[in-house]
Amino acid sequence: MNMLRRTFLQSAFGASVAALTPRLLLADAATDSRFVLVILRGALDGLAAVPPYGDGNYATKRGALAITAPALRLNGLFALNPGLAQLHERYRSKELVVFHAAASPYRERSHFDGQDLLENGTTRPGVARDGWLNRALSVLPAARMRTTEQISVALSQNLPLVLRGENQVNSWAPSRLPEADADTLQRIADLYSTEPYFAERLQAAVASNEIAEGGMKGGGRDPLGQFNQLAAAAGRLLVTDDGARIAVIEASGWDTHANQGAEQGQLVNRLRVLDSGLDALRVSLGPAWNRTAVMVVTEFGRTVAVNGTRGTDHGTATCAFLVGGAVNGGKVIADWPGLATSSLHQGRDLAPTLDLRSVFKGVLATHLSVSESDLESKVFPDSRGASPLEGLMQRA
């Protein structure tokens, strides 16, 4: 009878908690540093997000999509898109590093394979079923860590590949189901009162959801409101003393094949969404922002030339961002190949000169204290040619 009762309670607990709240466990971690990975799915146009207005070939090659008199200049060569005003403030505050002509080792143009390789951390898509950030959990300093499940969280309905692997992690997303009223919660709590295992997890689930959803009102189907909600929730989950320390946020909708726009249009609007969400994360983190690094990446870039529908097609190199109070920012890192036809990859794409794995390695090594040997042998196998970038983070 006891076994049957426990089996019944396991089933009931799983169903009721799924109805009450998304899954999340928070706990102490071995580091007080926070790391957030934002994946922009669909291939962000790096030449639009960070226009190289100072390149003599830029205006001609970009045509109607060129931003030739940018207001948000970074230096004499690069600027930020007008939709990234808050990121420009972070740059001026020396909290933003901009990377350009960056790419993973992938050189084809499939979204599926490009995202797979970006997240699995190898040199070929499909060769690994786990992600580099999950593998990194195994080699984080673990003196105070209880479980890897408690240090990381994906703010997504499904667990992204970058966090999949042998280390169990959790995901959180705003519930799509009606909230249970106080009476229902109390009845479930009474049901589990004689089962410490389930009572403790129900209490933790409810508490975690209250932390994540604190202050979340409105938003609905508005993408700006939704991304702001996720970003602000990530801050609340990371800021507590016993909270998670690593989070992954996904944002789709960056595949701009048609009607992309320049200073105005759909891409600028989407970049404003990203910009506002990143700032919501900063505000939500409060003082913990000073110990935070946020990496923003996409699977590949887009063609230099405009296509026949006033958009851009799948390309190769693109831009990436590293922002946070712990970042040694106020600089652009780019071995700029130029936009002359002879300099383009396959005669059509911005040529890659920076391996994104070098950026990831630099952040993991300095910010999360992962050893270089572990980075090369476990986190990013066969990556000796991608040396960790130095000087990305402020030294404590």
Protein backbone atom coordinates (compact mmCIF):
# COMPACT_ATOMS: atom_id res chain seq x y z
CA MET A 1 0.00 0.00 0.00
CA ASN A 2 2.83 2.40 0.83
CA MET A 3 4.45 1.77 -2.55
CA LEU A 4 1.13 2.23 -4.34
CA ARG A 5 0.44 5.43 -2.42
CA ARG A 6 3.89 6.79 -3.23
CA THR A 7 3.44 5.95 -6.92
CA PHE A 8 0.07 7.69 -6.93
CA LEU A 9 1.52 10.74 -5.22
CA GLN A 10 4.38 10.90 -7.71
CA SER A 11 1.91 11.02 -10.57
CA ALA A 12 -0.36 13.49 -8.82
CA PHE A 13 2.52 15.70 -7.82
CA GLY A 14 3.90 15.87 -11.34
CA ALA A 15 0.52 16.73 -12.81
CA SER A 16 -0.43 19.31 -10.20
CA VAL A 17 2.90 21.12 -10.18
CA ALA A 18 2.88 21.25 -13.97
CA ALA A 19 -0.50 22.92 -13.73
CA LEU A 20 0.63 25.31 -11.04
CA THR A 21 4.04 26.47 -12.18
CA PRO A 22 6.89 25.78 -14.61
CA ARG A 23 9.82 23.82 -13.22
CA LEU A 24 12.60 25.58 -11.39
CA LEU A 25 14.93 24.91 -8.48
CA LEU A 26 17.13 27.63 -7.03
CA ALA A 27 20.19 27.04 -4.90
CA ASP A 28 23.58 28.25 -3.80
CA ALA A 29 26.37 28.12 -6.37
CA ALA A 30 30.13 27.95 -6.22
CA THR A 31 30.46 31.42 -7.69
CA ASP A 32 28.83 34.76 -7.14
CA SER A 33 29.26 35.58 -10.83
CA ARG A 34 26.24 35.46 -13.12
CA PHE A 35 26.28 34.43 -16.78
CA VAL A 36 23.38 34.81 -19.22
CA LEU A 37 23.47 33.45 -22.76
CA VAL A 38 20.96 35.01 -25.18
CA ILE A 39 20.50 33.07 -28.44
CA LEU A 40 18.94 34.99 -31.34
CA ARG A 41 17.45 32.35 -33.60
CA GLY A 42 17.05 33.08 -37.29
CA ALA A 43 20.44 34.68 -38.12
CA LEU A 44 20.85 38.30 -37.09
CA ASP A 45 22.18 40.64 -39.78
CA GLY A 46 25.42 41.84 -38.20
CA LEU A 47 25.91 44.50 -40.87
CA ALA A 48 22.61 46.04 -39.79
CA ALA A 49 23.01 45.60 -36.02
CA VAL A 50 26.57 46.97 -36.08
CA PRO A 51 26.91 48.85 -39.39
CA PRO A 52 30.51 49.41 -40.57
CA TYR A 53 29.66 52.89 -41.83
CA GLY A 54 33.34 53.77 -42.17
CA ASP A 55 34.06 50.98 -44.66
CA GLY A 56 34.37 52.56 -48.11
CA ASN A 57 32.41 49.72 -49.73
CA TYR A 58 29.59 49.65 -47.19
CA ALA A 59 27.15 52.19 -48.68
CA THR A 60 27.45 50.82 -52.20
CA LYS A 61 27.19 47.16 -51.24
CA ARG A 62 24.28 47.66 -48.85
CA GLY A 63 22.27 49.98 -51.03
CA ALA A 64 18.82 50.72 -49.58
CA LEU A 65 19.74 48.96 -46.31
CA ALA A 66 22.78 51.12 -45.58
CA ILE A 67 22.90 53.28 -42.44
CA THR A 68 25.40 55.88 -43.59
CA ALA A 69 24.97 58.62 -40.98
CA PRO A 70 24.52 56.70 -37.73
CA ALA A 71 23.79 58.50 -34.49
CA LEU A 72 25.09 55.73 -32.21
CA ARG A 73 28.74 55.66 -33.26
CA LEU A 74 31.25 53.40 -31.53
CA ASN A 75 34.39 54.55 -33.34
CA GLY A 76 35.43 55.71 -36.78
CA LEU A 77 34.43 52.43 -38.42
CA PHE A 78 31.49 50.97 -36.50
CA ALA A 79 28.18 52.16 -35.06
CA LEU A 80 25.20 50.56 -33.39
CA ASN A 81 21.83 50.28 -35.07
CA PRO A 82 19.42 53.07 -33.97
CA GLY A 83 17.34 50.39 -32.21
CA LEU A 84 20.14 49.70 -29.72
CA ALA A 85 20.18 52.95 -27.75
CA GLN A 86 20.43 51.30 -24.33
CA LEU A 87 23.32 49.12 -25.47
CA HIS A 88 25.04 52.27 -26.65
CA GLU A 89 24.71 53.65 -23.12
CA ARG A 90 26.31 50.47 -21.82
CA TYR A 91 29.14 50.97 -24.31
CA ARG A 92 29.67 54.51 -23.06
CA SER A 93 29.69 53.13 -19.51
CA LYS A 94 32.38 50.63 -20.59
CA GLU A 95 30.06 47.68 -19.96
CA LEU A 96 29.76 46.48 -23.57
CA VAL A 97 32.17 44.70 -25.90
CA VAL A 98 31.08 44.43 -29.53
CA PHE A 99 32.48 41.62 -31.70
CA HIS A 100 32.32 41.70 -35.47
CA ALA A 101 33.17 39.37 -38.35
CA ALA A 102 32.51 36.58 -35.84
CA ALA A 103 31.19 33.08 -36.48
CA SER A 104 31.15 29.54 -35.22
CA PRO A 105 33.11 26.99 -37.32
CA TYR A 106 29.96 26.46 -39.42
CA ARG A 107 30.22 27.61 -43.06
CA GLU A 108 26.92 26.49 -44.59
CA ARG A 109 23.53 28.20 -44.42
CA SER A 110 21.08 25.88 -42.66
CA HIS A 111 19.41 27.36 -39.58
CA PHE A 112 19.07 23.92 -38.03
CA ASP A 113 22.72 22.92 -38.51
CA GLY A 114 24.00 26.39 -37.68
CA GLN A 115 22.18 26.49 -34.37
CA ASP A 116 23.20 22.91 -33.63
CA LEU A 117 26.90 23.70 -34.05
CA LEU A 118 26.65 27.02 -32.19
CA GLU A 119 25.25 25.14 -29.20
CA ASN A 120 27.09 21.81 -29.30
CA GLY A 121 30.48 23.54 -29.29
CA THR A 122 32.15 21.23 -31.81
CA THR A 123 33.30 21.74 -35.40
CA ARG A 124 30.49 19.81 -37.09
CA PRO A 125 26.72 19.80 -36.63
CA GLY A 126 25.11 16.61 -35.42
CA VAL A 127 28.17 15.04 -33.81
CA ALA A 128 27.21 15.87 -30.21
CA ARG A 129 23.91 15.51 -28.42
CA ASP A 130 24.93 17.69 -25.52
CA GLY A 131 25.75 21.40 -25.33
CA TRP A 132 28.93 23.23 -24.37
CA LEU A 133 27.29 25.07 -21.48
CA ASN A 134 26.02 21.80 -19.99
CA ARG A 135 29.52 20.34 -20.25
CA ALA A 136 30.90 23.47 -18.58
CA LEU A 137 28.73 22.75 -15.54
CA SER A 138 30.84 19.66 -14.84
CA VAL A 139 34.04 21.68 -14.52
CA LEU A 140 32.80 24.72 -12.62
CA PRO A 141 34.34 25.13 -9.16
CA ALA A 142 32.02 23.05 -6.98
CA ALA A 143 33.00 23.74 -3.39
CA ARG A 144 29.61 25.21 -2.51
CA MET A 145 27.49 23.91 -5.36
CA ARG A 146 24.79 21.41 -4.41
CA THR A 147 23.85 20.22 -7.89
CA THR A 148 24.27 21.45 -11.44
CA GLU A 149 20.48 21.38 -11.66
CA GLN A 150 20.40 24.21 -9.17
CA ILE A 151 22.98 26.51 -10.74
CA SER A 152 21.43 26.83 -14.20
CA VAL A 153 18.05 27.54 -15.73
CA ALA A 154 16.69 27.89 -19.25
CA LEU A 155 13.97 30.49 -19.69
CA SER A 156 12.20 28.54 -22.38
CA GLN A 157 9.34 26.08 -22.88
CA ASN A 158 11.90 23.51 -24.08
CA LEU A 159 15.47 22.96 -22.98
CA PRO A 160 17.86 24.33 -25.64
CA LEU A 161 20.67 22.11 -26.88
CA VAL A 162 23.37 24.28 -25.29
CA LEU A 163 22.08 23.19 -21.85
CA ARG A 164 21.30 19.56 -22.68
CA GLY A 165 23.56 16.80 -21.43
CA GLU A 166 24.36 14.56 -18.51
CA ASN A 167 24.09 17.42 -16.03
CA GLN A 168 20.45 17.98 -15.17
CA VAL A 169 19.24 21.56 -15.47
CA ASN A 170 15.87 23.24 -15.16
CA SER A 171 13.69 25.40 -17.35
CA TRP A 172 11.21 28.13 -16.53
CA ALA A 173 8.64 29.89 -18.67
CA PRO A 174 5.50 31.87 -17.83
CA SER A 175 2.68 29.41 -17.25
CA ARG A 176 0.10 29.17 -20.02
CA LEU A 177 -2.42 27.59 -17.68
CA PRO A 178 -4.80 29.34 -15.27
CA GLU A 179 -3.36 30.06 -11.84
CA ALA A 180 -4.52 27.90 -8.99
CA ASP A 181 -6.35 29.78 -6.25
CA ALA A 182 -5.16 29.86 -2.65
CA ASP A 183 -7.69 27.24 -1.54
CA THR A 184 -6.52 24.75 -4.17
CA LEU A 185 -2.90 25.32 -3.23
CA GLN A 186 -3.67 24.75 0.42
CA ARG A 187 -5.53 21.51 -0.33
CA ILE A 188 -2.57 20.22 -2.35
CA ALA A 189 -0.19 21.25 0.42
CA ASP A 190 -2.34 19.36 2.94
CA LEU A 191 -2.29 16.29 0.69
CA TYR A 192 1.52 16.34 0.64
CA SER A 193 1.98 17.31 4.29
CA THR A 194 2.88 13.75 5.33
CA GLU A 195 5.27 13.29 2.41
CA PRO A 196 8.33 15.51 3.08
CA TYR A 197 9.84 14.80 -0.35
CA PHE A 198 6.82 16.18 -2.21
CA ALA A 199 5.95 18.88 0.31
CA GLU A 200 9.42 20.38 0.03
CA ARG A 201 9.33 20.39 -3.78
CA LEU A 202 5.87 21.87 -3.97
CA GLN A 203 6.95 24.69 -1.67
CA ALA A 204 10.11 25.27 -3.72
CA ALA A 205 8.18 25.30 -7.00
CA VAL A 206 5.63 27.82 -5.76
CA ALA A 207 8.34 30.03 -4.23
CA SER A 208 10.42 29.94 -7.43
CA ASN A 209 7.45 30.90 -9.55
CA GLU A 210 6.64 33.80 -7.22
CA ILE A 211 10.22 35.05 -7.54
CA ALA A 212 10.26 34.75 -11.33
CA GLU A 213 6.82 36.23 -11.92
CA GLY A 214 7.15 38.99 -9.36
CA GLY A 215 5.93 42.15 -11.00
CA MET A 216 5.04 40.44 -14.28
CA LYS A 217 1.85 42.08 -15.43
CA GLY A 218 0.55 42.45 -18.93
CA GLY A 219 2.67 41.63 -21.96
CA GLY A 220 0.14 39.30 -23.53
CA ARG A 221 1.16 38.39 -27.06
CA ASP A 222 3.18 41.56 -27.54
CA PRO A 223 6.75 40.38 -28.31
CA LEU A 224 8.30 43.37 -26.56
CA GLY A 225 6.33 42.64 -23.39
CA GLN A 226 7.12 38.92 -23.61
CA PHE A 227 10.86 39.37 -24.03
CA ASN A 228 10.93 41.99 -21.30
CA GLN A 229 9.09 39.58 -19.01
CA LEU A 230 11.58 36.77 -19.65
CA ALA A 231 14.58 39.06 -19.21
CA ALA A 232 13.23 40.60 -16.01
CA ALA A 233 12.35 37.13 -14.70
CA ALA A 234 15.88 35.97 -15.41
CA GLY A 235 17.19 38.82 -13.29
CA ARG A 236 14.93 37.90 -10.38
CA LEU A 237 16.00 34.25 -10.58
CA LEU A 238 19.69 35.14 -10.66
CA VAL A 239 19.73 37.92 -8.08
CA THR A 240 18.82 35.97 -4.94
CA ASP A 241 21.59 34.73 -2.68
CA ASP A 242 20.51 31.10 -3.13
CA GLY A 243 19.46 31.50 -6.76
CA ALA A 244 20.71 30.15 -10.04
CA ARG A 245 23.86 31.66 -11.54
CA ILE A 246 23.56 30.70 -15.22
CA ALA A 247 20.58 31.36 -17.50
CA VAL A 248 19.79 30.88 -21.19
CA ILE A 249 17.18 32.97 -23.00
CA GLU A 250 16.04 32.34 -26.57
CA ALA A 251 14.57 34.94 -28.93
CA SER A 252 13.35 34.00 -32.40
CA GLY A 253 12.33 36.06 -35.42
CA TRP A 254 15.67 37.25 -36.88
CA ASP A 255 15.28 35.72 -40.35
CA THR A 256 14.86 38.92 -42.40
CA HIS A 257 14.48 37.69 -45.98
CA ALA A 258 12.04 40.45 -46.96
CA ASN A 259 11.36 44.10 -46.09
CA GLN A 260 14.21 44.27 -43.59
CA GLY A 261 14.41 48.06 -43.40
CA ALA A 262 17.27 50.38 -42.52
CA GLU A 263 16.78 53.20 -39.96
CA GLN A 264 13.10 52.22 -39.90
CA GLY A 265 11.46 48.85 -40.38
CA GLN A 266 10.99 45.41 -38.91
CA LEU A 267 14.63 44.72 -37.99
CA VAL A 268 15.04 48.01 -36.12
CA ASN A 269 11.84 47.23 -34.21
CA ARG A 270 13.15 43.79 -33.27
CA LEU A 271 16.43 45.26 -32.14
CA ARG A 272 14.51 47.68 -29.93
CA VAL A 273 12.84 44.61 -28.38
CA LEU A 274 16.24 43.08 -27.69
CA ASP A 275 17.64 46.36 -26.39
CA SER A 276 14.72 46.93 -24.04
CA GLY A 277 14.84 43.36 -22.74
CA LEU A 278 18.56 43.51 -21.99
CA ASP A 279 18.00 46.71 -20.06
CA ALA A 280 15.12 45.07 -18.16
CA LEU A 281 17.55 42.31 -17.19
CA ARG A 282 20.04 44.91 -15.96
CA VAL A 283 17.44 46.71 -13.85
CA SER A 284 16.08 43.44 -12.45
CA LEU A 285 19.55 42.30 -11.37
CA GLY A 286 20.15 45.47 -9.38
CA PRO A 287 23.57 45.41 -7.62
CA ALA A 288 24.20 41.88 -8.99
CA TRP A 289 24.61 43.47 -12.43
CA ASN A 290 28.16 44.32 -11.38
CA ARG A 291 28.90 40.58 -11.24
CA THR A 292 27.08 39.70 -14.47
CA ALA A 293 28.13 38.93 -18.05
CA VAL A 294 25.52 38.57 -20.81
CA MET A 295 26.54 37.04 -24.14
CA VAL A 296 24.27 37.65 -27.18
CA VAL A 297 24.89 35.38 -30.19
CA THR A 298 23.21 34.08 -33.34
CA GLU A 299 23.86 31.09 -35.63
CA PHE A 300 25.30 33.03 -38.61
CA GLY A 301 24.99 36.33 -40.43
CA ARG A 302 23.39 37.46 -43.66
CA THR A 303 24.49 38.36 -47.17
CA VAL A 304 26.17 41.69 -47.82
CA ALA A 305 23.98 42.44 -50.84
CA VAL A 306 20.25 43.14 -50.67
CA ASN A 307 18.01 40.51 -52.28
CA GLY A 308 15.04 41.08 -54.58
CA THR A 309 12.54 41.43 -51.72
CA ARG A 310 14.44 44.20 -49.91
CA GLY A 311 15.87 41.79 -47.38
CA THR A 312 18.97 39.66 -46.94
CA ASP A 313 19.66 35.96 -47.33
CA HIS A 314 21.60 33.52 -45.17
CA GLY A 315 25.25 34.48 -44.80
CA THR A 316 28.30 33.66 -42.68
CA ALA A 317 29.99 36.09 -40.27
CA THR A 318 27.98 38.43 -38.06
CA CYS A 319 28.27 40.39 -34.81
CA ALA A 320 27.96 39.38 -31.15
CA PHE A 321 27.69 41.29 -27.89
CA LEU A 322 29.09 40.87 -24.39
CA VAL A 323 27.47 43.19 -21.87
CA GLY A 324 27.39 43.42 -18.09
CA GLY A 325 28.75 45.20 -15.07
CA ALA A 326 31.59 42.66 -14.86
CA VAL A 327 32.60 43.25 -18.50
CA ASN A 328 35.73 45.18 -19.45
CA GLY A 329 33.86 47.07 -22.13
CA GLY A 330 33.86 50.20 -24.22
CA LYS A 331 35.58 48.53 -27.19
CA VAL A 332 35.01 46.76 -30.48
CA ILE A 333 36.95 43.57 -31.17
CA ALA A 334 37.16 42.94 -34.91
CA ASP A 335 39.87 41.87 -37.33
CA TRP A 336 37.86 43.61 -40.03
CA PRO A 337 38.18 41.86 -43.43
CA GLY A 338 36.46 44.63 -45.37
CA LEU A 339 33.56 44.53 -47.79
CA ALA A 340 35.42 44.63 -51.08
CA THR A 341 34.18 41.87 -53.36
CA SER A 342 37.56 40.13 -53.28
CA SER A 343 37.40 40.03 -49.45
CA LEU A 344 33.96 38.45 -49.15
CA HIS A 345 33.42 34.82 -48.22
CA GLN A 346 32.39 33.02 -51.41
CA GLY A 347 31.95 36.42 -52.99
CA ARG A 348 28.78 37.20 -51.04
CA ASP A 349 29.22 37.10 -47.24
CA LEU A 350 31.16 38.98 -44.58
CA ALA A 351 34.23 36.81 -44.05
CA PRO A 352 34.69 35.32 -40.56
CA THR A 353 37.89 36.32 -38.74
CA LEU A 354 36.89 35.61 -35.11
CA ASP A 355 35.86 32.20 -33.77
CA LEU A 356 32.98 32.55 -31.31
CA ARG A 357 34.47 29.72 -29.27
CA SER A 358 37.36 32.06 -28.43
CA VAL A 359 34.86 34.49 -26.95
CA PHE A 360 33.01 31.79 -25.02
CA LYS A 361 36.31 30.45 -23.70
CA GLY A 362 37.46 33.88 -22.61
CA VAL A 363 34.27 34.48 -20.63
CA LEU A 364 34.18 31.00 -19.05
CA ALA A 365 37.85 31.17 -18.08
CA THR A 366 37.87 34.61 -16.48
CA HIS A 367 34.29 35.02 -15.31
CA LEU A 368 33.45 31.47 -14.18
CA SER A 369 36.97 30.18 -13.44
CA VAL A 370 36.94 27.25 -15.87
CA SER A 371 40.49 26.05 -16.53
CA GLU A 372 41.95 26.31 -20.01
CA SER A 373 42.67 22.57 -20.07
CA ASP A 374 39.02 21.80 -19.28
CA LEU A 375 37.88 24.27 -21.94
CA GLU A 376 39.90 22.49 -24.61
CA SER A 377 39.39 18.89 -23.56
CA LYS A 378 35.82 18.88 -22.22
CA VAL A 379 33.83 22.00 -23.00
CA PHE A 380 35.02 22.70 -26.56
CA PRO A 381 36.82 19.57 -27.79
CA ASP A 382 39.24 19.96 -30.73
CA SER A 383 39.35 23.73 -30.26
CA ARG A 384 43.07 24.32 -29.75
CA GLY A 385 43.06 26.77 -32.67
CA ALA A 386 40.45 28.94 -30.92
CA SER A 387 42.44 30.47 -28.08
CA PRO A 388 40.50 32.18 -25.26
CA LEU A 389 40.21 35.93 -25.76
CA GLU A 390 41.83 37.82 -22.92
CA GLY A 391 40.81 41.08 -21.32
CA LEU A 392 37.05 40.61 -21.73
CA MET A 393 36.22 40.76 -18.03
CA GLN A 394 37.18 43.13 -15.27
CA ARG A 395 39.60 41.63 -12.83
CA ALA A 396 38.28 41.39 -9.27
